C-alpha atoms as a PDB file:
ATOM      1  CA  GLN A   1     128.007 137.449 111.501  1.00  0.00           C
ATOM      2  CA  ILE A   2     130.084 135.130 113.494  1.00  0.00           C
ATOM      3  CA  GLU A   3     132.425 136.513 112.085  1.00  0.00           C
ATOM      4  CA  TRP A   4     132.616 139.582 111.869  1.00  0.00           C
ATOM      5  CA  LEU A   5     132.113 140.298 115.201  1.00  0.00           C
ATOM      6  CA  GLY A   6     135.502 138.368 115.832  1.00  0.00           C
ATOM      7  CA  GLY A   7     137.037 141.079 113.619  1.00  0.00           C
ATOM      8  CA  CYS A   8     135.657 143.208 115.714  1.00  0.00           C
ATOM      9  CA  VAL A   9     136.860 142.463 119.313  1.00  0.00           C
ATOM     10  CA  ARG A  10     140.083 142.037 117.659  1.00  0.00           C
ATOM     11  CA  ALA A  11     140.053 145.848 115.672  1.00  0.00           C
ATOM     12  CA  SER A  12     138.878 146.814 119.666  1.00  0.00           C
ATOM     13  CA  LEU A  13     141.393 148.838 121.922  1.00  0.00           C
ATOM     14  CA  GLY A  14     140.243 146.284 124.773  1.00  0.00           C
ATOM     15  CA  GLY A  15     138.586 149.024 126.199  1.00  0.00           C
ATOM     16  CA  PRO A  16     134.439 148.671 127.853  1.00  0.00           C
ATOM     17  CA  MET A  17     132.321 146.886 125.379  1.00  0.00           C
ATOM     18  CA  VAL A  18     128.737 146.850 124.848  1.00  0.00           C
ATOM     19  CA  LEU A  19     127.113 143.871 123.088  1.00  0.00           C
ATOM     20  CA  PHE A  20     123.672 145.185 121.109  1.00  0.00           C
ATOM     21  CA  MET A  21     121.755 141.880 119.456  1.00  0.00           C
ATOM     22  CA  ASN A  22     118.355 141.208 118.561  1.00  0.00           C
ATOM     23  CA  ARG A  23     116.799 138.048 120.562  1.00  0.00           C
ATOM     24  CA  PRO A  24     118.526 137.418 123.870  1.00  0.00           C
ATOM     25  CA  LEU A  25     120.620 134.579 122.303  1.00  0.00           C
ATOM     26  CA  TRP A  26     121.481 133.362 125.882  1.00  0.00           C
ATOM     27  CA  LYS A  27     117.847 132.061 126.626  1.00  0.00           C
ATOM     28  CA  ASP A  28     116.248 132.339 122.734  1.00  0.00           C
ATOM     29  CA  ALA A  29     119.704 130.439 121.930  1.00  0.00           C
ATOM     30  CA  PRO A  30     122.560 129.240 124.098  1.00  0.00           C
ATOM     31  CA  GLY A  31     124.076 126.239 122.330  1.00  0.00           C
ATOM     32  CA  LEU A  32     124.272 129.939 120.146  1.00  0.00           C
ATOM     33  CA  TRP A  33     125.207 132.128 122.854  1.00  0.00           C
ATOM     34  CA  ARG A  34     127.627 129.534 124.607  1.00  0.00           C
ATOM     35  CA  ASP A  35     129.456 127.772 121.402  1.00  0.00           C
ATOM     36  CA  ARG A  36     129.700 130.715 119.014  1.00  0.00           C
ATOM     37  CA  ILE A  37     128.926 134.515 120.757  1.00  0.00           C
ATOM     38  CA  LEU A  38     131.581 133.563 123.459  1.00  0.00           C
ATOM     39  CA  PRO A  39     134.432 132.451 122.214  1.00  0.00           C
ATOM     40  CA  ALA A  40     133.991 134.984 119.608  1.00  0.00           C
ATOM     41  CA  LEU A  41     133.940 137.994 121.621  1.00  0.00           C
ATOM     42  CA  GLY A  42     137.314 135.430 123.580  1.00  0.00           C
ATOM     43  CA  THR A  43     138.915 137.766 126.273  1.00  0.00           C
ATOM     44  CA  ALA A  44     136.700 141.234 124.841  1.00  0.00           C
ATOM     45  CA  ASN A  45     136.011 143.403 127.895  1.00  0.00           C
ATOM     46  CA  VAL A  46     131.944 143.264 127.488  1.00  0.00           C
ATOM     47  CA  VAL A  47     130.276 145.152 130.265  1.00  0.00           C
ATOM     48  CA  LEU A  48     126.932 145.086 129.124  1.00  0.00           C
ATOM     49  CA  ALA A  49     124.543 142.893 126.565  1.00  0.00           C
ATOM     50  CA  VAL A  50     121.821 145.155 125.765  1.00  0.00           C
ATOM     51  CA  SER A  51     118.682 143.217 123.515  1.00  0.00           C
ATOM     52  CA  ALA A  52     115.887 143.697 122.131  1.00  0.00           C
ATOM     53  CA  SER A  53     113.004 141.365 122.667  1.00  0.00           C
ATOM     54  CA  ASP A  54     108.782 142.183 122.365  1.00  0.00           C
ATOM     55  CA  GLU A  55     108.793 140.466 125.909  1.00  0.00           C
ATOM     56  CA  GLY A  56     109.692 143.866 127.465  1.00  0.00           C
ATOM     57  CA  LEU A  57     112.724 145.109 130.149  1.00  0.00           C
ATOM     58  CA  CYS A  58     113.535 142.580 131.150  1.00  0.00           C
ATOM     59  CA  ASP A  59     117.024 142.690 134.046  1.00  0.00           C
ATOM     60  CA  TRP A  60     118.932 139.013 133.359  1.00  0.00           C
ATOM     61  CA  GLY A  61     121.490 139.978 136.064  1.00  0.00           C
ATOM     62  CA  ARG A  62     124.901 138.350 135.072  1.00  0.00           C
ATOM     63  CA  ILE A  63     124.378 136.191 132.041  1.00  0.00           C
ATOM     64  CA  ASP A  64     128.253 134.331 132.423  1.00  0.00           C
ATOM     65  CA  GLY A  65     130.001 136.897 134.222  1.00  0.00           C
ATOM     66  CA  ILE A  66     128.062 139.765 131.927  1.00  0.00           C
ATOM     67  CA  ARG A  67     125.123 142.173 132.821  1.00  0.00           C
ATOM     68  CA  ALA A  68     122.022 141.580 130.027  1.00  0.00           C
ATOM     69  CA  VAL A  69     119.171 143.337 129.811  1.00  0.00           C
ATOM     70  CA  SER A  70     116.538 143.052 127.315  1.00  0.00           C
ATOM     71  CA  THR A  71     115.152 146.237 126.386  1.00  0.00           C
ATOM     72  CA  GLY A  72     111.608 145.219 125.150  1.00  0.00           C
ATOM     73  CA  CYS A  73     109.052 146.892 123.001  1.00  0.00           C
ATOM     74  CA  THR A  74     108.918 150.952 124.315  1.00  0.00           C
ATOM     75  CA  GLY A  75     105.291 151.029 123.198  1.00  0.00           C
ATOM     76  CA  PRO A  76     102.721 151.882 121.912  1.00  0.00           C
ATOM     77  CA  VAL A  77     101.281 154.057 125.239  1.00  0.00           C
ATOM     78  CA  GLY A  78      98.470 151.446 124.991  1.00  0.00           C
ATOM     79  CA  ASN A  79     100.539 149.005 124.478  1.00  0.00           C
ATOM     80  CA  VAL A  80     100.625 147.924 128.622  1.00  0.00           C
ATOM     81  CA  GLY A  81     102.049 144.817 130.055  1.00  0.00           C
ATOM     82  CA  PRO A  82     105.456 143.398 132.787  1.00  0.00           C
ATOM     83  CA  GLY A  83     108.362 146.290 131.124  1.00  0.00           C
ATOM     84  CA  LEU A  84     106.164 146.452 127.822  1.00  0.00           C
ATOM     85  CA  HIS A  85     106.213 151.047 128.466  1.00  0.00           C
ATOM     86  CA  PRO A  86     108.497 153.628 126.517  1.00  0.00           C
ATOM     87  CA  HIS A  87     111.179 154.558 128.102  1.00  0.00           C
ATOM     88  CA  ALA A  88     115.116 155.290 127.136  1.00  0.00           C
ATOM     89  CA  LEU A  89     118.074 153.017 129.088  1.00  0.00           C
ATOM     90  CA  VAL A  90     120.840 155.383 130.910  1.00  0.00           C
ATOM     91  CA  VAL A  91     124.081 153.648 130.726  1.00  0.00           C
ATOM     92  CA  ARG A  92     126.778 154.472 132.697  1.00  0.00           C
ATOM     93  CA  VAL A  93     130.099 152.328 132.486  1.00  0.00           C
ATOM     94  CA  ASN A  94     133.446 152.978 134.876  1.00  0.00           C
ATOM     95  CA  GLY A  95     135.858 150.254 134.319  1.00  0.00           C
ATOM     96  CA  ARG A  96     133.373 146.167 134.526  1.00  0.00           C
ATOM     97  CA  ASP A  97     130.932 148.546 137.108  1.00  0.00           C
ATOM     98  CA  VAL A  98     127.646 149.623 135.024  1.00  0.00           C
ATOM     99  CA  SER A  99     124.504 151.303 136.271  1.00  0.00           C
ATOM    100  CA  ILE A 100     121.640 151.515 134.420  1.00  0.00           C
ATOM    101  CA  ARG A 101     118.960 153.874 134.873  1.00  0.00           C
ATOM    102  CA  VAL A 102     115.383 153.347 133.660  1.00  0.00           C
ATOM    103  CA  LEU A 103     113.914 157.636 131.731  1.00  0.00           C
ATOM    104  CA  LYS A 104     109.999 157.039 131.343  1.00  0.00           C
ATOM    105  CA  PRO A 105     108.673 160.024 129.463  1.00  0.00           C
ATOM    106  CA  ASP A 106     107.585 162.376 131.754  1.00  0.00           C
ATOM    107  CA  GLY A 107     110.750 162.761 133.063  1.00  0.00           C
ATOM    108  CA  SER A 108     111.460 160.541 135.508  1.00  0.00           C
ATOM    109  CA  SER A 109     113.446 157.087 136.125  1.00  0.00           C
ATOM    110  CA  THR A 110     114.129 154.425 138.436  1.00  0.00           C
ATOM    111  CA  ASP A 111     117.265 152.469 139.291  1.00  0.00           C
ATOM    112  CA  GLN A 112     115.321 149.309 139.242  1.00  0.00           C
ATOM    113  CA  ILE A 113     114.234 147.560 136.282  1.00  0.00           C
ATOM    114  CA  GLU A 114     110.644 146.196 138.071  1.00  0.00           C
ATOM    115  CA  VAL A 115     110.769 142.468 135.498  1.00  0.00           C
ATOM    116  CA  ASP A 116     113.678 140.749 136.333  1.00  0.00           C
ATOM    117  CA  HIS A 117     114.354 136.419 134.993  1.00  0.00           C
ATOM    118  CA  ALA A 118     112.561 134.817 138.037  1.00  0.00           C
ATOM    119  CA  ALA A 119     109.817 136.991 136.893  1.00  0.00           C
ATOM    120  CA  ARG A 120     109.390 137.206 133.284  1.00  0.00           C
ATOM    121  CA  GLU A 121     109.192 132.979 133.628  1.00  0.00           C
ATOM    122  CA  GLN A 122     106.788 133.212 136.298  1.00  0.00           C
ATOM    123  CA  TYR A 123     104.724 135.187 133.839  1.00  0.00           C
ATOM    124  CA  ASP A 124     105.029 133.153 131.106  1.00  0.00           C
ATOM    125  CA  ARG A 125     104.340 130.288 132.948  1.00  0.00           C
ATOM    126  CA  PHE A 126     101.293 131.215 134.339  1.00  0.00           C
ATOM    127  CA  LEU A 127     100.256 132.472 131.443  1.00  0.00           C
ATOM    128  CA  LYS A 128     100.622 128.768 129.732  1.00  0.00           C
ATOM    129  CA  SER A 129      97.982 127.070 132.143  1.00  0.00           C
ATOM    130  CA  PHE A 130      95.243 129.410 129.321  1.00  0.00           C
ATOM    131  CA  SER A 131      96.826 127.327 126.582  1.00  0.00           C
ATOM    132  CA  VAL A 132      92.708 126.070 125.184  1.00  0.00           C
ATOM    133  CA  PRO A 133      93.895 122.711 123.205  1.00  0.00           C
ATOM    134  CA  SER A 134      92.659 121.362 119.581  1.00  0.00           C
ATOM    135  CA  VAL A 135      89.040 119.563 119.852  1.00  0.00           C
ATOM    136  CA  ARG A 136      89.183 116.019 118.517  1.00  0.00           C
ATOM    137  CA  ALA A 137      86.940 115.136 115.606  1.00  0.00           C
ATOM    138  CA  ASP A 138      85.759 111.888 115.288  1.00  0.00           C
ATOM    139  CA  GLU A 139      84.865 110.020 111.577  1.00  0.00           C
ATOM    140  CA  ILE A 140      82.015 111.626 110.343  1.00  0.00           C
ATOM    141  CA  TRP A 141      84.158 114.880 112.031  1.00  0.00           C
ATOM    142  CA  LYS A 142      81.310 115.758 115.061  1.00  0.00           C
ATOM    143  CA  ILE A 143      82.518 117.666 117.921  1.00  0.00           C
ATOM    144  CA  ASN A 144      82.171 116.219 121.213  1.00  0.00           C
ATOM    145  CA  ASP A 145      85.235 117.334 123.379  1.00  0.00           C
ATOM    146  CA  SER A 146      85.404 118.992 126.849  1.00  0.00           C
ATOM    147  CA  PHE A 147      88.780 119.817 128.739  1.00  0.00           C
ATOM    148  CA  GLU A 148      89.742 121.185 131.589  1.00  0.00           C
ATOM    149  CA  LEU A 149      91.819 124.549 132.905  1.00  0.00           C
ATOM    150  CA  LYS A 150      93.975 123.707 135.876  1.00  0.00           C
ATOM    151  CA  LEU A 151      95.230 127.867 136.611  1.00  0.00           C
ATOM    152  CA  GLU A 152      97.295 128.460 139.897  1.00  0.00           C
ATOM    153  CA  ASN A 153      98.455 131.987 140.543  1.00  0.00           C
ATOM    154  CA  PRO A 154     101.649 132.190 141.372  1.00  0.00           C
ATOM    155  CA  PHE A 155     101.800 136.497 141.920  1.00  0.00           C
ATOM    156  CA  SER A 156     101.670 137.944 144.767  1.00  0.00           C
ATOM    157  CA  SER A 157      98.662 139.748 144.481  1.00  0.00           C
ATOM    158  CA  ILE A 158      95.002 138.695 142.801  1.00  0.00           C
ATOM    159  CA  VAL A 159      94.819 137.397 139.521  1.00  0.00           C
ATOM    160  CA  THR A 160      91.246 138.704 137.898  1.00  0.00           C
ATOM    161  CA  GLY A 161      90.221 138.669 134.352  1.00  0.00           C
ATOM    162  CA  SER A 162      88.009 136.475 131.868  1.00  0.00           C
ATOM    163  CA  LEU A 163      88.520 134.010 129.055  1.00  0.00           C
ATOM    164  CA  SER A 164      85.629 134.437 126.408  1.00  0.00           C
ATOM    165  CA  PHE A 165      84.698 132.699 123.030  1.00  0.00           C
ATOM    166  CA  LYS A 166      82.536 133.526 120.124  1.00  0.00           C
ATOM    167  CA  VAL A 167      81.039 132.039 117.634  1.00  0.00           C
ATOM    168  CA  HIS A 168      80.280 132.465 114.563  1.00  0.00           C
ATOM    169  CA  SER A 169      77.091 133.206 113.498  1.00  0.00           C
ATOM    170  CA  ASP A 170      75.073 130.928 111.213  1.00  0.00           C
ATOM    171  CA  THR A 171      77.454 127.869 112.339  1.00  0.00           C
ATOM    172  CA  GLU A 172      77.653 124.531 114.241  1.00  0.00           C
ATOM    173  CA  TRP A 173      80.098 125.445 117.260  1.00  0.00           C
ATOM    174  CA  ASN A 174      78.623 125.270 120.625  1.00  0.00           C
ATOM    175  CA  ILE A 175      80.835 126.676 123.714  1.00  0.00           C
ATOM    176  CA  ASP A 176      79.871 125.780 127.390  1.00  0.00           C
ATOM    177  CA  PRO A 177      80.508 128.302 129.384  1.00  0.00           C
ATOM    178  CA  SER A 178      80.697 131.359 126.109  1.00  0.00           C
ATOM    179  CA  LYS A 179      83.067 133.062 128.523  1.00  0.00           C
ATOM    180  CA  LEU A 180      84.542 131.571 131.762  1.00  0.00           C
ATOM    181  CA  ASP A 181      85.207 134.158 134.509  1.00  0.00           C
ATOM    182  CA  PHE A 182      87.971 134.492 137.425  1.00  0.00           C
ATOM    183  CA  THR A 183      89.527 135.775 140.695  1.00  0.00           C
ATOM    184  CA  LEU A 184      92.505 133.730 142.652  1.00  0.00           C
ATOM    185  CA  GLU A 185      94.433 134.919 145.214  1.00  0.00           C
ATOM    186  CA  PRO A 186      98.167 135.164 146.184  1.00  0.00           C
ATOM    187  CA  GLY A 187      98.841 130.986 145.720  1.00  0.00           C
ATOM    188  CA  SER A 188      95.812 129.854 145.438  1.00  0.00           C
ATOM    189  CA  ALA A 189      94.835 127.642 142.148  1.00  0.00           C
ATOM    190  CA  GLY A 190      91.055 127.357 140.024  1.00  0.00           C
ATOM    191  CA  THR A 191      90.473 124.698 138.115  1.00  0.00           C
ATOM    192  CA  PHE A 192      87.717 125.328 134.981  1.00  0.00           C
ATOM    193  CA  HIS A 193      85.663 123.160 131.971  1.00  0.00           C
ATOM    194  CA  LEU A 194      84.741 123.564 128.821  1.00  0.00           C
ATOM    195  CA  ASN A 195      82.983 122.100 126.890  1.00  0.00           C
ATOM    196  CA  VAL A 196      82.997 122.293 122.826  1.00  0.00           C
ATOM    197  CA  ARG A 197      80.477 121.075 119.805  1.00  0.00           C
ATOM    198  CA  GLY A 198      79.904 121.496 116.349  1.00  0.00           C
ATOM    199  CA  ASN A 199      78.283 119.150 113.811  1.00  0.00           C
ATOM    200  CA  PRO A 200      78.910 118.493 110.338  1.00  0.00           C
ATOM    201  CA  PRO A 201      78.032 119.182 107.349  1.00  0.00           C
ATOM    202  CA  GLU A 202      78.880 122.907 107.931  1.00  0.00           C
ATOM    203  CA  LEU A 203      81.082 123.642 111.153  1.00  0.00           C
ATOM    204  CA  GLY A 204      81.866 127.496 109.532  1.00  0.00           C
ATOM    205  CA  PRO A 205      84.693 129.506 110.488  1.00  0.00           C
ATOM    206  CA  GLN A 206      86.490 128.266 114.263  1.00  0.00           C
ATOM    207  CA  PRO A 207      85.322 130.165 117.537  1.00  0.00           C
ATOM    208  CA  SER A 208      88.135 132.670 118.673  1.00  0.00           C
ATOM    209  CA  TRP A 209      89.271 133.257 122.601  1.00  0.00           C
ATOM    210  CA  THR A 210      89.825 136.967 124.234  1.00  0.00           C
ATOM    211  CA  LEU A 211      91.813 137.206 127.306  1.00  0.00           C
ATOM    212  CA  ARG A 212      92.034 139.438 129.847  1.00  0.00           C
ATOM    213  CA  LEU A 213      94.131 139.337 132.900  1.00  0.00           C
ATOM    214  CA  ALA A 214      95.418 142.168 135.468  1.00  0.00           C
ATOM    215  CA  VAL A 215      97.552 141.236 138.211  1.00  0.00           C
ATOM    216  CA  GLY A 216      96.769 143.534 141.330  1.00  0.00           C
ATOM    217  CA  LYS A 217      95.739 146.537 139.503  1.00  0.00           C
ATOM    218  CA  GLU A 218      98.182 145.886 136.063  1.00  0.00           C
ATOM    219  CA  GLU A 219      96.046 144.790 133.428  1.00  0.00           C
ATOM    220  CA  TYR A 220      97.865 142.862 130.928  1.00  0.00           C
ATOM    221  CA  PRO A 221      98.006 142.708 126.739  1.00  0.00           C
ATOM    222  CA  LEU A 222      94.702 141.723 125.153  1.00  0.00           C
ATOM    223  CA  ARG A 223      95.663 137.569 124.001  1.00  0.00           C
ATOM    224  CA  SER A 224      93.821 136.622 120.867  1.00  0.00           C
ATOM    225  CA  GLY A 225      93.496 132.915 119.510  1.00  0.00           C
ATOM    226  CA  SER A 226      91.317 130.591 117.542  1.00  0.00           C
ATOM    227  CA  ILE A 227      89.931 127.338 118.738  1.00  0.00           C
ATOM    228  CA  GLU A 228      91.590 124.769 116.659  1.00  0.00           C
END
């Protein structure tokens, strides 16, 4: 693929070039981007790099002098979250100047991409604070573990939501509390305690968790998983 890319560059007439890729390699594989992709581009007049990514529409600004955006997942309509909405990008190129408008299904458009690199990192860091760690068992597989979830609201809007747990019937699991409701003012923090117990020999299916989260009036996608 690198050889193919270099061949395309050499065969071009030197006009403005738009580079398309799947993942945003400048973020997911910076070594590959820096050591292989950029040298293959050489002196090509790359005015825009467009990646996919399931993380939503994101404006990266300029990466190594190249304007860069991720289109993200464009649907379905019910898949809500930062930058996750049906859209098209209208791109105009004038020399090395690139202008981008976001076109929505209702025909409206804007020249502002709401999510940028800093907002993306902020959102990702906040979600990591909800990670439920693996619980520990003793030598006879009895589980009696406790831990803390430390949440800090980095946004300029209030954050509300819940982290709820479901224990399968006829199993020996107990989680206290079974649901954590939280409301965090901008810049505030909260610490939540969880106790997880399980008794052998029939531990059964692991408990599952579901995270509901809203920043201001914007609801983010439901996230779910299981306690390992």
